[in-house]
N, C-alpha and C. Protein backbone atom coordinates (compact mmCIF):
# COMPACT_ATOMS: atom_id res chain seq x y z
N UNK A 1 -61.95 244.36 31.18
CA UNK A 1 -62.76 245.16 30.31
C UNK A 1 -61.81 246.04 29.52
N UNK A 2 -62.00 246.13 28.25
CA UNK A 2 -61.20 247.01 27.39
C UNK A 2 -62.07 248.17 26.94
N UNK A 3 -61.55 249.37 27.08
CA UNK A 3 -62.30 250.59 26.76
C UNK A 3 -61.45 251.46 25.85
N UNK A 4 -62.06 252.03 24.83
CA UNK A 4 -61.39 252.99 23.96
C UNK A 4 -62.12 254.33 24.08
N UNK A 5 -61.36 255.38 24.33
CA UNK A 5 -61.96 256.71 24.46
C UNK A 5 -61.92 257.44 23.13
N UNK A 6 -62.91 258.25 22.92
CA UNK A 6 -62.91 259.11 21.74
C UNK A 6 -61.85 260.20 21.94
N UNK A 7 -61.25 260.68 20.86
CA UNK A 7 -60.25 261.75 21.00
C UNK A 7 -60.80 263.00 21.68
N UNK A 8 -62.10 263.19 21.65
CA UNK A 8 -62.71 264.38 22.24
C UNK A 8 -63.15 264.17 23.70
N UNK A 9 -62.79 263.06 24.30
CA UNK A 9 -63.16 262.79 25.69
C UNK A 9 -62.65 263.92 26.58
N UNK A 10 -63.51 264.44 27.47
CA UNK A 10 -63.11 265.60 28.28
C UNK A 10 -62.06 265.28 29.35
N UNK A 11 -62.00 264.04 29.80
CA UNK A 11 -61.03 263.64 30.83
C UNK A 11 -60.26 262.43 30.29
N UNK A 12 -58.94 262.46 30.43
CA UNK A 12 -58.10 261.37 29.95
C UNK A 12 -56.97 261.10 30.93
N UNK A 13 -56.29 260.00 30.76
CA UNK A 13 -55.08 259.69 31.52
C UNK A 13 -55.32 259.53 33.01
N UNK A 14 -54.32 259.96 33.79
CA UNK A 14 -54.37 259.78 35.24
C UNK A 14 -55.60 260.42 35.89
N UNK A 15 -56.02 261.55 35.38
CA UNK A 15 -57.21 262.20 35.94
C UNK A 15 -58.44 261.30 35.80
N UNK A 16 -58.58 260.66 34.66
CA UNK A 16 -59.69 259.73 34.44
C UNK A 16 -59.56 258.51 35.34
N UNK A 17 -58.35 257.96 35.45
CA UNK A 17 -58.14 256.78 36.28
C UNK A 17 -58.51 257.05 37.73
N UNK A 18 -58.12 258.20 38.25
CA UNK A 18 -58.44 258.53 39.63
C UNK A 18 -59.95 258.70 39.83
N UNK A 19 -60.61 259.33 38.88
CA UNK A 19 -62.06 259.51 38.99
C UNK A 19 -62.77 258.15 38.93
N UNK A 20 -62.35 257.30 38.02
CA UNK A 20 -62.94 255.96 37.92
C UNK A 20 -62.69 255.15 39.18
N UNK A 21 -61.46 255.19 39.66
CA UNK A 21 -61.11 254.44 40.85
C UNK A 21 -61.98 254.87 42.03
N UNK A 22 -62.19 256.16 42.21
CA UNK A 22 -63.02 256.68 43.30
C UNK A 22 -64.45 256.17 43.19
N UNK A 23 -65.03 256.28 42.00
CA UNK A 23 -66.42 255.86 41.81
C UNK A 23 -66.58 254.34 41.90
N UNK A 24 -65.64 253.61 41.34
CA UNK A 24 -65.73 252.15 41.40
C UNK A 24 -65.58 251.64 42.82
N UNK A 25 -64.70 252.24 43.60
CA UNK A 25 -64.54 251.81 44.99
C UNK A 25 -65.77 252.11 45.83
N UNK A 26 -66.51 253.16 45.50
CA UNK A 26 -67.77 253.44 46.19
C UNK A 26 -68.79 252.34 45.88
N UNK A 27 -68.86 251.94 44.61
CA UNK A 27 -69.84 250.95 44.18
C UNK A 27 -69.43 249.52 44.55
N UNK A 28 -68.12 249.25 44.53
CA UNK A 28 -67.62 247.90 44.76
C UNK A 28 -66.44 247.95 45.74
N UNK A 29 -66.72 248.19 47.01
CA UNK A 29 -65.64 248.44 47.97
C UNK A 29 -64.69 247.27 48.21
N UNK A 30 -65.10 246.05 47.92
CA UNK A 30 -64.22 244.91 48.18
C UNK A 30 -63.37 244.53 46.97
N UNK A 31 -63.39 245.34 45.92
CA UNK A 31 -62.63 245.04 44.70
C UNK A 31 -61.43 245.96 44.57
N UNK A 32 -60.47 245.52 43.75
CA UNK A 32 -59.30 246.33 43.41
C UNK A 32 -59.34 246.59 41.92
N UNK A 33 -58.82 247.74 41.50
CA UNK A 33 -58.86 248.13 40.10
C UNK A 33 -57.48 248.58 39.64
N UNK A 34 -57.11 248.15 38.44
CA UNK A 34 -55.87 248.61 37.82
C UNK A 34 -56.19 249.06 36.40
N UNK A 35 -55.33 249.91 35.88
CA UNK A 35 -55.50 250.42 34.53
C UNK A 35 -54.20 250.18 33.79
N UNK A 36 -54.27 249.35 32.76
CA UNK A 36 -53.07 248.97 32.02
C UNK A 36 -53.29 249.18 30.53
N UNK A 37 -52.20 249.34 29.83
CA UNK A 37 -52.26 249.51 28.38
C UNK A 37 -52.85 248.26 27.73
N UNK A 38 -53.66 248.44 26.71
CA UNK A 38 -54.30 247.31 26.04
C UNK A 38 -53.55 246.88 24.80
N UNK A 39 -52.26 246.51 24.98
CA UNK A 39 -51.50 246.09 23.81
C UNK A 39 -51.90 244.70 23.37
N UNK A 40 -51.60 244.35 22.17
CA UNK A 40 -52.02 243.08 21.59
C UNK A 40 -51.35 241.88 22.23
N UNK A 41 -50.17 242.06 22.83
CA UNK A 41 -49.45 240.95 23.45
C UNK A 41 -50.16 240.47 24.70
N UNK A 42 -50.69 241.38 25.52
CA UNK A 42 -51.30 240.98 26.77
C UNK A 42 -52.81 240.79 26.69
N UNK A 43 -53.39 241.04 25.55
CA UNK A 43 -54.85 240.90 25.40
C UNK A 43 -55.24 239.43 25.40
N UNK A 44 -56.29 239.08 26.14
CA UNK A 44 -56.77 237.69 26.19
C UNK A 44 -57.98 237.51 25.32
């Protein structure tokens, strides 16, 4: 999934990743999550 945040987003970077990871693991405990840059070279 590719997501773009608005410049005014209240939470960004590592703080956002940790909050998302916590909530996603609660909802989907058997899954793993990573957050990577969405550069054009690695986009599928």
